[in-house]
N, C-alpha and C. Protein backbone atom coordinates (compact mmCIF):
# COMPACT_ATOMS: atom_id res chain seq x y z
N THR A 1 2.73 -71.51 -46.81
CA THR A 1 2.14 -70.29 -46.28
C THR A 1 1.74 -70.50 -44.83
N LEU A 2 1.15 -71.67 -44.59
CA LEU A 2 0.73 -71.99 -43.24
C LEU A 2 1.94 -72.06 -42.30
N LEU A 3 3.01 -72.66 -42.76
CA LEU A 3 4.23 -72.77 -41.98
C LEU A 3 4.83 -71.39 -41.71
N PHE A 4 4.88 -70.56 -42.74
CA PHE A 4 5.42 -69.20 -42.58
C PHE A 4 4.56 -68.39 -41.61
N SER A 5 3.24 -68.46 -41.75
CA SER A 5 2.37 -67.68 -40.86
C SER A 5 2.48 -68.19 -39.42
N SER A 6 2.69 -69.49 -39.25
CA SER A 6 2.89 -70.04 -37.90
C SER A 6 4.19 -69.53 -37.30
N TRP A 7 5.27 -69.52 -38.12
CA TRP A 7 6.56 -69.01 -37.65
C TRP A 7 6.46 -67.53 -37.29
N LEU A 8 5.83 -66.77 -38.18
CA LEU A 8 5.67 -65.33 -37.97
C LEU A 8 4.82 -65.07 -36.73
N SER A 9 3.80 -65.83 -36.55
CA SER A 9 2.91 -65.68 -35.39
C SER A 9 3.67 -65.94 -34.09
N SER A 10 4.51 -66.98 -34.08
CA SER A 10 5.27 -67.29 -32.86
C SER A 10 6.27 -66.17 -32.54
N LYS A 11 6.91 -65.61 -33.57
CA LYS A 11 7.85 -64.50 -33.36
C LYS A 11 7.12 -63.27 -32.83
N LEU A 12 5.98 -62.98 -33.41
CA LEU A 12 5.20 -61.83 -32.96
C LEU A 12 4.72 -62.02 -31.51
N LYS A 13 4.26 -63.24 -31.20
CA LYS A 13 3.80 -63.53 -29.85
C LYS A 13 4.95 -63.35 -28.85
N ARG A 14 6.15 -63.81 -29.23
CA ARG A 14 7.29 -63.69 -28.33
C ARG A 14 7.62 -62.22 -28.08
N ASN A 15 7.62 -61.41 -29.14
CA ASN A 15 7.88 -59.99 -28.97
C ASN A 15 6.79 -59.31 -28.14
N ILE A 16 5.56 -59.69 -28.38
CA ILE A 16 4.46 -59.09 -27.62
C ILE A 16 4.56 -59.50 -26.15
N LYS A 17 4.98 -60.74 -25.87
CA LYS A 17 5.16 -61.18 -24.48
C LYS A 17 6.27 -60.37 -23.80
N ILE A 18 7.35 -60.10 -24.55
CA ILE A 18 8.46 -59.30 -24.00
C ILE A 18 7.94 -57.92 -23.61
N PHE A 19 7.18 -57.29 -24.49
CA PHE A 19 6.66 -55.96 -24.21
C PHE A 19 5.61 -55.99 -23.09
N ASN A 20 4.79 -56.99 -23.09
CA ASN A 20 3.77 -57.12 -22.04
C ASN A 20 4.45 -57.25 -20.68
N SER A 21 5.46 -58.10 -20.61
CA SER A 21 6.21 -58.28 -19.37
C SER A 21 6.89 -56.97 -18.96
N PHE A 22 7.45 -56.27 -19.94
CA PHE A 22 8.10 -54.98 -19.66
C PHE A 22 7.12 -53.99 -19.05
N PHE A 23 5.96 -53.84 -19.66
CA PHE A 23 5.00 -52.85 -19.18
C PHE A 23 4.46 -53.21 -17.80
N GLN A 24 4.27 -54.48 -17.54
CA GLN A 24 3.80 -54.88 -16.22
C GLN A 24 4.86 -54.61 -15.15
N LYS A 25 6.12 -54.95 -15.45
CA LYS A 25 7.19 -54.75 -14.49
C LYS A 25 7.54 -53.28 -14.33
N SER A 26 7.56 -52.52 -15.40
CA SER A 26 7.98 -51.12 -15.32
C SER A 26 6.95 -50.26 -14.61
N ALA A 27 5.72 -50.75 -14.52
CA ALA A 27 4.71 -50.00 -13.75
C ALA A 27 5.06 -50.02 -12.26
N LEU A 28 5.73 -51.09 -11.82
CA LEU A 28 6.06 -51.23 -10.41
C LEU A 28 7.52 -50.93 -10.09
N GLN A 29 8.39 -51.17 -11.02
CA GLN A 29 9.82 -50.96 -10.79
C GLN A 29 10.50 -50.53 -12.09
N VAL A 30 11.79 -50.34 -12.01
CA VAL A 30 12.53 -49.87 -13.17
C VAL A 30 13.18 -51.05 -13.87
N ASN A 31 12.66 -51.41 -15.02
CA ASN A 31 13.22 -52.50 -15.84
C ASN A 31 13.30 -52.03 -17.28
N LYS A 32 14.33 -52.53 -17.96
CA LYS A 32 14.48 -52.21 -19.38
C LYS A 32 14.14 -53.44 -20.20
N ILE A 33 13.83 -53.19 -21.45
CA ILE A 33 13.55 -54.28 -22.39
C ILE A 33 14.89 -54.81 -22.90
N PRO A 34 15.09 -56.11 -22.84
CA PRO A 34 16.32 -56.67 -23.43
C PRO A 34 16.24 -56.58 -24.96
N GLU A 35 16.90 -55.58 -25.52
CA GLU A 35 16.78 -55.30 -26.96
C GLU A 35 17.31 -56.45 -27.83
N ASN A 36 18.22 -57.22 -27.29
CA ASN A 36 18.78 -58.33 -28.08
C ASN A 36 17.79 -59.48 -28.27
N LYS A 37 16.70 -59.50 -27.51
CA LYS A 37 15.70 -60.57 -27.65
C LYS A 37 14.59 -60.20 -28.63
N VAL A 38 14.54 -58.94 -29.03
CA VAL A 38 13.50 -58.48 -29.95
C VAL A 38 13.91 -58.83 -31.38
N VAL A 39 12.98 -59.39 -32.15
CA VAL A 39 13.33 -59.91 -33.48
C VAL A 39 13.11 -58.89 -34.58
N PHE A 40 12.01 -58.21 -34.61
CA PHE A 40 11.66 -57.33 -35.71
C PHE A 40 12.16 -55.90 -35.47
N ARG A 41 12.53 -55.25 -36.55
CA ARG A 41 13.06 -53.89 -36.50
C ARG A 41 12.06 -52.93 -35.87
N GLU A 42 10.80 -53.06 -36.16
CA GLU A 42 9.78 -52.17 -35.64
C GLU A 42 9.70 -52.29 -34.11
N PHE A 43 9.78 -53.55 -33.65
CA PHE A 43 9.77 -53.77 -32.20
C PHE A 43 11.06 -53.25 -31.56
N ASP A 44 12.16 -53.37 -32.30
CA ASP A 44 13.43 -52.86 -31.80
C ASP A 44 13.36 -51.35 -31.58
N ILE A 45 12.73 -50.64 -32.50
CA ILE A 45 12.55 -49.17 -32.38
C ILE A 45 11.71 -48.86 -31.14
N ILE A 46 10.63 -49.62 -30.97
CA ILE A 46 9.77 -49.41 -29.80
C ILE A 46 10.54 -49.73 -28.51
N ALA A 47 11.35 -50.78 -28.53
CA ALA A 47 12.13 -51.17 -27.35
C ALA A 47 13.12 -50.08 -26.97
N ARG A 48 13.80 -49.51 -27.95
CA ARG A 48 14.74 -48.41 -27.66
C ARG A 48 14.02 -47.21 -27.07
N SER A 49 12.86 -46.89 -27.64
CA SER A 49 12.08 -45.75 -27.12
C SER A 49 11.64 -46.02 -25.69
N ALA A 50 11.19 -47.23 -25.42
CA ALA A 50 10.76 -47.58 -24.06
C ALA A 50 11.93 -47.52 -23.09
N ASN A 51 13.10 -47.99 -23.53
CA ASN A 51 14.28 -47.94 -22.66
C ASN A 51 14.72 -46.50 -22.38
N ARG A 52 14.60 -45.64 -23.39
CA ARG A 52 14.90 -44.21 -23.16
C ARG A 52 13.92 -43.62 -22.16
N MET A 53 12.67 -44.04 -22.25
CA MET A 53 11.66 -43.57 -21.31
C MET A 53 12.04 -43.99 -19.88
N ILE A 54 12.50 -45.22 -19.73
CA ILE A 54 12.92 -45.70 -18.41
C ILE A 54 14.14 -44.93 -17.92
N GLU A 55 15.10 -44.67 -18.79
CA GLU A 55 16.29 -43.90 -18.41
C GLU A 55 15.90 -42.50 -17.97
N GLU A 56 14.96 -41.89 -18.68
CA GLU A 56 14.47 -40.55 -18.30
C GLU A 56 13.77 -40.61 -16.95
N ARG A 57 13.03 -41.68 -16.71
CA ARG A 57 12.35 -41.84 -15.43
C ARG A 57 13.37 -41.96 -14.29
N ILE A 58 14.46 -42.71 -14.54
CA ILE A 58 15.53 -42.85 -13.54
C ILE A 58 16.17 -41.49 -13.27
N ARG A 59 16.46 -40.74 -14.35
CA ARG A 59 17.10 -39.43 -14.21
C ARG A 59 16.20 -38.47 -13.42
N THR A 60 14.92 -38.44 -13.74
CA THR A 60 14.02 -37.52 -13.03
C THR A 60 13.84 -37.94 -11.57
N ALA A 61 13.88 -39.24 -11.29
CA ALA A 61 13.79 -39.70 -9.91
C ALA A 61 15.01 -39.24 -9.11
N LYS A 62 16.20 -39.30 -9.74
CA LYS A 62 17.41 -38.82 -9.08
C LYS A 62 17.34 -37.32 -8.85
N GLU A 63 16.87 -36.58 -9.84
CA GLU A 63 16.72 -35.13 -9.69
C GLU A 63 15.74 -34.80 -8.58
N LYS A 64 14.65 -35.55 -8.53
CA LYS A 64 13.64 -35.33 -7.49
C LYS A 64 14.24 -35.55 -6.11
N ASN A 65 15.02 -36.64 -5.96
CA ASN A 65 15.67 -36.91 -4.67
C ASN A 65 16.64 -35.80 -4.29
N ALA A 66 17.40 -35.33 -5.27
CA ALA A 66 18.35 -34.24 -5.00
C ALA A 66 17.61 -32.97 -4.58
N MET A 67 16.52 -32.67 -5.26
CA MET A 67 15.74 -31.48 -4.91
C MET A 67 15.11 -31.62 -3.52
N GLN A 68 14.66 -32.82 -3.17
CA GLN A 68 14.10 -33.04 -1.85
C GLN A 68 15.16 -32.84 -0.76
N LYS A 69 16.37 -33.30 -1.03
CA LYS A 69 17.46 -33.10 -0.07
C LYS A 69 17.77 -31.62 0.09
N LYS A 70 17.78 -30.89 -1.03
CA LYS A 70 18.03 -29.45 -0.96
C LYS A 70 16.92 -28.75 -0.19
N LEU A 71 15.68 -29.17 -0.40
CA LEU A 71 14.55 -28.58 0.32
C LEU A 71 14.68 -28.86 1.81
N GLN A 72 15.03 -30.08 2.19
CA GLN A 72 15.20 -30.42 3.60
C GLN A 72 16.32 -29.58 4.21
N GLN A 73 17.42 -29.41 3.49
CA GLN A 73 18.54 -28.60 3.98
C GLN A 73 18.09 -27.15 4.16
N SER A 74 17.34 -26.65 3.20
CA SER A 74 16.82 -25.29 3.28
C SER A 74 15.89 -25.12 4.49
N GLN A 75 15.06 -26.12 4.73
CA GLN A 75 14.16 -26.06 5.89
C GLN A 75 14.94 -26.11 7.19
N LYS A 76 16.02 -26.89 7.23
CA LYS A 76 16.86 -26.94 8.42
C LYS A 76 17.50 -25.58 8.68
N LEU A 77 18.02 -24.97 7.60
CA LEU A 77 18.65 -23.66 7.75
C LEU A 77 17.64 -22.61 8.21
N GLU A 78 16.42 -22.70 7.69
CA GLU A 78 15.37 -21.78 8.11
C GLU A 78 15.06 -21.96 9.59
N ALA A 79 15.00 -23.21 10.04
CA ALA A 79 14.73 -23.48 11.45
C ALA A 79 15.87 -22.96 12.33
N ILE A 80 17.11 -23.13 11.87
CA ILE A 80 18.25 -22.63 12.62
C ILE A 80 18.20 -21.10 12.70
N GLY A 81 17.84 -20.46 11.59
CA GLY A 81 17.71 -19.00 11.58
C GLY A 81 16.64 -18.54 12.55
N THR A 82 15.53 -19.23 12.60
CA THR A 82 14.46 -18.88 13.54
C THR A 82 14.92 -19.06 14.97
N LEU A 83 15.61 -20.18 15.24
CA LEU A 83 16.13 -20.43 16.57
C LEU A 83 17.16 -19.36 16.96
N ALA A 84 18.06 -19.06 16.04
CA ALA A 84 19.07 -18.03 16.30
C ALA A 84 18.41 -16.69 16.59
N GLY A 85 17.36 -16.38 15.85
CA GLY A 85 16.65 -15.12 16.08
C GLY A 85 16.03 -15.08 17.46
N GLY A 86 15.44 -16.17 17.89
CA GLY A 86 14.84 -16.22 19.23
C GLY A 86 15.88 -16.08 20.32
N ILE A 87 16.99 -16.79 20.16
CA ILE A 87 18.07 -16.70 21.15
C ILE A 87 18.67 -15.29 21.16
N ALA A 88 18.88 -14.74 19.98
CA ALA A 88 19.45 -13.39 19.88
C ALA A 88 18.52 -12.38 20.54
N HIS A 89 17.23 -12.55 20.37
CA HIS A 89 16.26 -11.63 20.99
C HIS A 89 16.38 -11.69 22.52
N ASP A 90 16.49 -12.92 23.05
CA ASP A 90 16.65 -13.08 24.51
C ASP A 90 17.97 -12.46 24.99
N PHE A 91 19.05 -12.69 24.22
CA PHE A 91 20.33 -12.09 24.59
C PHE A 91 20.25 -10.56 24.55
N ASN A 92 19.54 -10.06 23.57
CA ASN A 92 19.39 -8.60 23.46
C ASN A 92 18.73 -8.04 24.71
N ASN A 93 17.72 -8.72 25.22
CA ASN A 93 17.06 -8.28 26.45
C ASN A 93 18.03 -8.30 27.62
N LEU A 94 18.84 -9.36 27.73
CA LEU A 94 19.82 -9.45 28.82
C LEU A 94 20.88 -8.36 28.69
N LEU A 95 21.34 -8.13 27.47
CA LEU A 95 22.37 -7.12 27.26
C LEU A 95 21.85 -5.71 27.56
N THR A 96 20.60 -5.48 27.28
CA THR A 96 20.00 -4.18 27.60
C THR A 96 20.01 -3.98 29.11
N THR A 97 19.70 -5.01 29.86
CA THR A 97 19.73 -4.93 31.33
C THR A 97 21.15 -4.67 31.82
N ILE A 98 22.11 -5.39 31.26
CA ILE A 98 23.51 -5.21 31.66
C ILE A 98 23.96 -3.79 31.34
N SER A 99 23.65 -3.34 30.15
CA SER A 99 24.05 -2.00 29.72
C SER A 99 23.44 -0.94 30.63
N GLY A 100 22.16 -1.07 30.94
CA GLY A 100 21.50 -0.10 31.82
C GLY A 100 22.10 -0.09 33.21
N ASN A 101 22.38 -1.27 33.75
CA ASN A 101 22.94 -1.34 35.10
C ASN A 101 24.37 -0.81 35.16
N THR A 102 25.18 -1.08 34.13
CA THR A 102 26.55 -0.53 34.15
C THR A 102 26.52 0.98 34.00
N SER A 103 25.58 1.51 33.23
CA SER A 103 25.45 2.96 33.11
C SER A 103 25.05 3.58 34.44
N LEU A 104 24.11 2.94 35.14
CA LEU A 104 23.69 3.44 36.47
C LEU A 104 24.84 3.38 37.45
N LEU A 105 25.59 2.27 37.41
CA LEU A 105 26.73 2.12 38.31
C LEU A 105 27.78 3.18 38.03
N SER A 106 28.05 3.43 36.76
CA SER A 106 29.03 4.45 36.38
C SER A 106 28.57 5.83 36.85
N TYR A 107 27.29 6.09 36.74
CA TYR A 107 26.72 7.38 37.15
C TYR A 107 26.83 7.57 38.66
N LYS A 108 26.65 6.49 39.44
CA LYS A 108 26.67 6.59 40.89
C LYS A 108 28.08 6.67 41.46
N LEU A 109 29.05 6.14 40.73
CA LEU A 109 30.43 6.18 41.21
C LEU A 109 31.08 7.52 40.86
N ASP A 110 32.05 7.88 41.63
CA ASP A 110 32.83 9.08 41.38
C ASP A 110 33.61 8.90 40.08
N LYS A 111 33.78 9.98 39.35
CA LYS A 111 34.48 9.91 38.05
C LYS A 111 35.92 9.42 38.20
N LYS A 112 36.53 9.66 39.37
CA LYS A 112 37.92 9.27 39.57
C LYS A 112 38.05 7.89 40.22
N ASP A 113 36.96 7.22 40.44
CA ASP A 113 36.98 5.89 41.05
C ASP A 113 37.70 4.92 40.09
N PRO A 114 38.61 4.09 40.61
CA PRO A 114 39.33 3.13 39.75
C PRO A 114 38.41 2.10 39.07
N CYS A 115 37.24 1.90 39.59
CA CYS A 115 36.28 0.95 38.97
C CYS A 115 35.70 1.50 37.68
N GLN A 116 35.80 2.81 37.46
CA GLN A 116 35.25 3.42 36.24
C GLN A 116 35.86 2.80 34.98
N GLN A 117 37.15 2.49 35.05
CA GLN A 117 37.81 1.89 33.88
C GLN A 117 37.20 0.50 33.58
N HIS A 118 36.95 -0.27 34.62
CA HIS A 118 36.34 -1.59 34.44
C HIS A 118 34.91 -1.46 33.91
N ILE A 119 34.21 -0.48 34.39
CA ILE A 119 32.85 -0.24 33.91
C ILE A 119 32.87 0.17 32.44
N GLN A 120 33.88 0.99 32.08
CA GLN A 120 34.02 1.40 30.68
C GLN A 120 34.26 0.18 29.78
N HIS A 121 35.13 -0.74 30.25
CA HIS A 121 35.37 -1.98 29.49
C HIS A 121 34.09 -2.81 29.37
N LEU A 122 33.35 -2.85 30.46
CA LEU A 122 32.08 -3.57 30.46
C LEU A 122 31.10 -2.97 29.47
N ASN A 123 31.05 -1.63 29.42
CA ASN A 123 30.17 -0.95 28.46
C ASN A 123 30.58 -1.23 27.03
N GLU A 124 31.88 -1.22 26.76
CA GLU A 124 32.37 -1.48 25.40
C GLU A 124 32.04 -2.92 24.98
N ALA A 125 32.26 -3.86 25.89
CA ALA A 125 31.95 -5.26 25.58
C ALA A 125 30.46 -5.44 25.35
N THR A 126 29.66 -4.76 26.13
CA THR A 126 28.21 -4.86 25.98
C THR A 126 27.78 -4.28 24.64
N LYS A 127 28.37 -3.16 24.24
CA LYS A 127 28.03 -2.56 22.94
C LYS A 127 28.40 -3.50 21.79
N ARG A 128 29.57 -4.14 21.89
CA ARG A 128 29.97 -5.09 20.86
C ARG A 128 29.02 -6.28 20.81
N ALA A 129 28.64 -6.75 21.99
CA ALA A 129 27.72 -7.88 22.05
C ALA A 129 26.36 -7.50 21.45
N ILE A 130 25.91 -6.28 21.72
CA ILE A 130 24.65 -5.81 21.15
C ILE A 130 24.75 -5.75 19.63
N GLN A 131 25.89 -5.28 19.10
CA GLN A 131 26.08 -5.26 17.65
C GLN A 131 26.07 -6.67 17.06
N LEU A 132 26.70 -7.60 17.76
CA LEU A 132 26.72 -8.99 17.30
C LEU A 132 25.30 -9.57 17.30
N VAL A 133 24.54 -9.28 18.34
CA VAL A 133 23.16 -9.76 18.41
C VAL A 133 22.34 -9.13 17.28
N GLN A 134 22.58 -7.88 16.97
CA GLN A 134 21.87 -7.23 15.87
C GLN A 134 22.18 -7.90 14.54
N GLN A 135 23.44 -8.31 14.37
CA GLN A 135 23.81 -9.03 13.15
C GLN A 135 23.11 -10.38 13.07
N ILE A 136 23.04 -11.07 14.20
CA ILE A 136 22.35 -12.36 14.21
C ILE A 136 20.87 -12.17 13.90
N LEU A 137 20.26 -11.15 14.49
CA LEU A 137 18.85 -10.87 14.21
C LEU A 137 18.64 -10.51 12.75
N ALA A 138 19.55 -9.73 12.19
CA ALA A 138 19.43 -9.37 10.77
C ALA A 138 19.55 -10.61 9.90
N PHE A 139 20.46 -11.51 10.26
CA PHE A 139 20.63 -12.75 9.51
C PHE A 139 19.37 -13.62 9.60
N SER A 140 18.81 -13.73 10.79
CA SER A 140 17.65 -14.59 10.97
C SER A 140 16.42 -14.03 10.26
N ARG A 141 16.41 -12.73 10.00
CA ARG A 141 15.29 -12.11 9.29
C ARG A 141 15.57 -11.95 7.81
N ASN A 142 16.70 -12.44 7.34
CA ASN A 142 17.12 -12.27 5.93
C ASN A 142 17.19 -10.81 5.54
N SER A 143 17.64 -9.97 6.47
CA SER A 143 17.77 -8.55 6.17
C SER A 143 19.05 -8.29 5.39
N ASN A 144 19.12 -7.12 4.80
CA ASN A 144 20.35 -6.73 4.10
C ASN A 144 21.37 -6.24 5.12
N PHE A 145 22.61 -6.57 4.89
CA PHE A 145 23.68 -6.15 5.76
C PHE A 145 24.33 -4.90 5.19
N ASN A 146 24.70 -4.01 6.09
CA ASN A 146 25.45 -2.83 5.68
C ASN A 146 26.92 -3.10 5.95
N SER A 147 27.71 -3.16 4.91
CA SER A 147 29.13 -3.39 5.11
C SER A 147 29.83 -2.04 5.28
N GLU A 148 30.86 -2.06 6.11
CA GLU A 148 31.60 -0.83 6.35
C GLU A 148 33.06 -1.18 6.57
N LEU A 149 33.92 -0.22 6.30
CA LEU A 149 35.34 -0.41 6.51
C LEU A 149 35.66 -0.27 7.99
N LEU A 150 36.55 -1.16 8.47
CA LEU A 150 36.94 -1.12 9.87
C LEU A 150 38.43 -0.84 9.96
N ASP A 151 38.81 -0.14 11.00
CA ASP A 151 40.22 0.06 11.30
C ASP A 151 40.66 -1.14 12.14
N MET A 152 41.35 -2.07 11.53
CA MET A 152 41.71 -3.31 12.21
C MET A 152 42.61 -3.05 13.42
N VAL A 153 43.46 -2.04 13.34
CA VAL A 153 44.32 -1.71 14.48
C VAL A 153 43.45 -1.35 15.68
N GLU A 154 42.42 -0.57 15.44
CA GLU A 154 41.51 -0.16 16.52
C GLU A 154 40.76 -1.37 17.08
N VAL A 155 40.32 -2.25 16.19
CA VAL A 155 39.60 -3.45 16.63
C VAL A 155 40.51 -4.33 17.48
N ILE A 156 41.75 -4.52 17.06
CA ILE A 156 42.69 -5.36 17.80
C ILE A 156 43.03 -4.72 19.14
N LYS A 157 43.26 -3.40 19.16
CA LYS A 157 43.54 -2.72 20.43
C LYS A 157 42.38 -2.90 21.40
N SER A 158 41.19 -2.77 20.88
CA SER A 158 40.00 -2.92 21.72
C SER A 158 39.89 -4.34 22.25
N ALA A 159 40.16 -5.32 21.40
CA ALA A 159 40.11 -6.72 21.83
C ALA A 159 41.16 -7.01 22.89
N VAL A 160 42.38 -6.48 22.70
CA VAL A 160 43.45 -6.67 23.68
C VAL A 160 43.05 -6.03 25.00
N SER A 161 42.46 -4.86 24.93
CA SER A 161 42.02 -4.16 26.14
C SER A 161 40.98 -5.00 26.89
N LEU A 162 40.05 -5.59 26.16
CA LEU A 162 39.03 -6.45 26.79
C LEU A 162 39.66 -7.69 27.40
N LEU A 163 40.63 -8.26 26.67
CA LEU A 163 41.28 -9.45 27.18
C LEU A 163 42.10 -9.16 28.44
N ARG A 164 42.74 -7.98 28.50
CA ARG A 164 43.50 -7.59 29.68
C ARG A 164 42.59 -7.55 30.91
N SER A 165 41.43 -6.93 30.74
CA SER A 165 40.52 -6.82 31.88
C SER A 165 39.95 -8.18 32.25
N THR A 166 39.82 -9.07 31.30
CA THR A 166 39.30 -10.40 31.57
C THR A 166 40.35 -11.27 32.26
N VAL A 167 41.58 -11.21 31.75
CA VAL A 167 42.65 -12.03 32.29
C VAL A 167 43.10 -11.47 33.63
């Protein structure tokens, strides 16, 4: 009996040391219990449960890192939207000045003056730029966009006309 209790005691101590070591290490880092070193079935059940706990901890740490990366990306996009909104607002002010001055110039020139066509192109380009700035401002404010059908032939003709005056 004494021999058996001594043997049993040594086996229990070894299993308890394994678990003690596991709990000390797992508090600081990710370690699993070597299940093949556990002798008793009851300890084996506890070892499997502890290892599942560690696996869950690893999985949640990975999820947390992924969520943090998504949050950082979202914050970057928000900052870009704010920056775009500020730049668009400044462009809008410049375009308003350009639009006002081209309108004044058109008003002061004779209707048959050959420069009127260039002023008209300038006005059209300014209107398109103002629309683009409005879209950027709407994007930076997370506003809803109104979609509409466009006549692509008209858009291309207009673009060609602008390019002719530019070239």
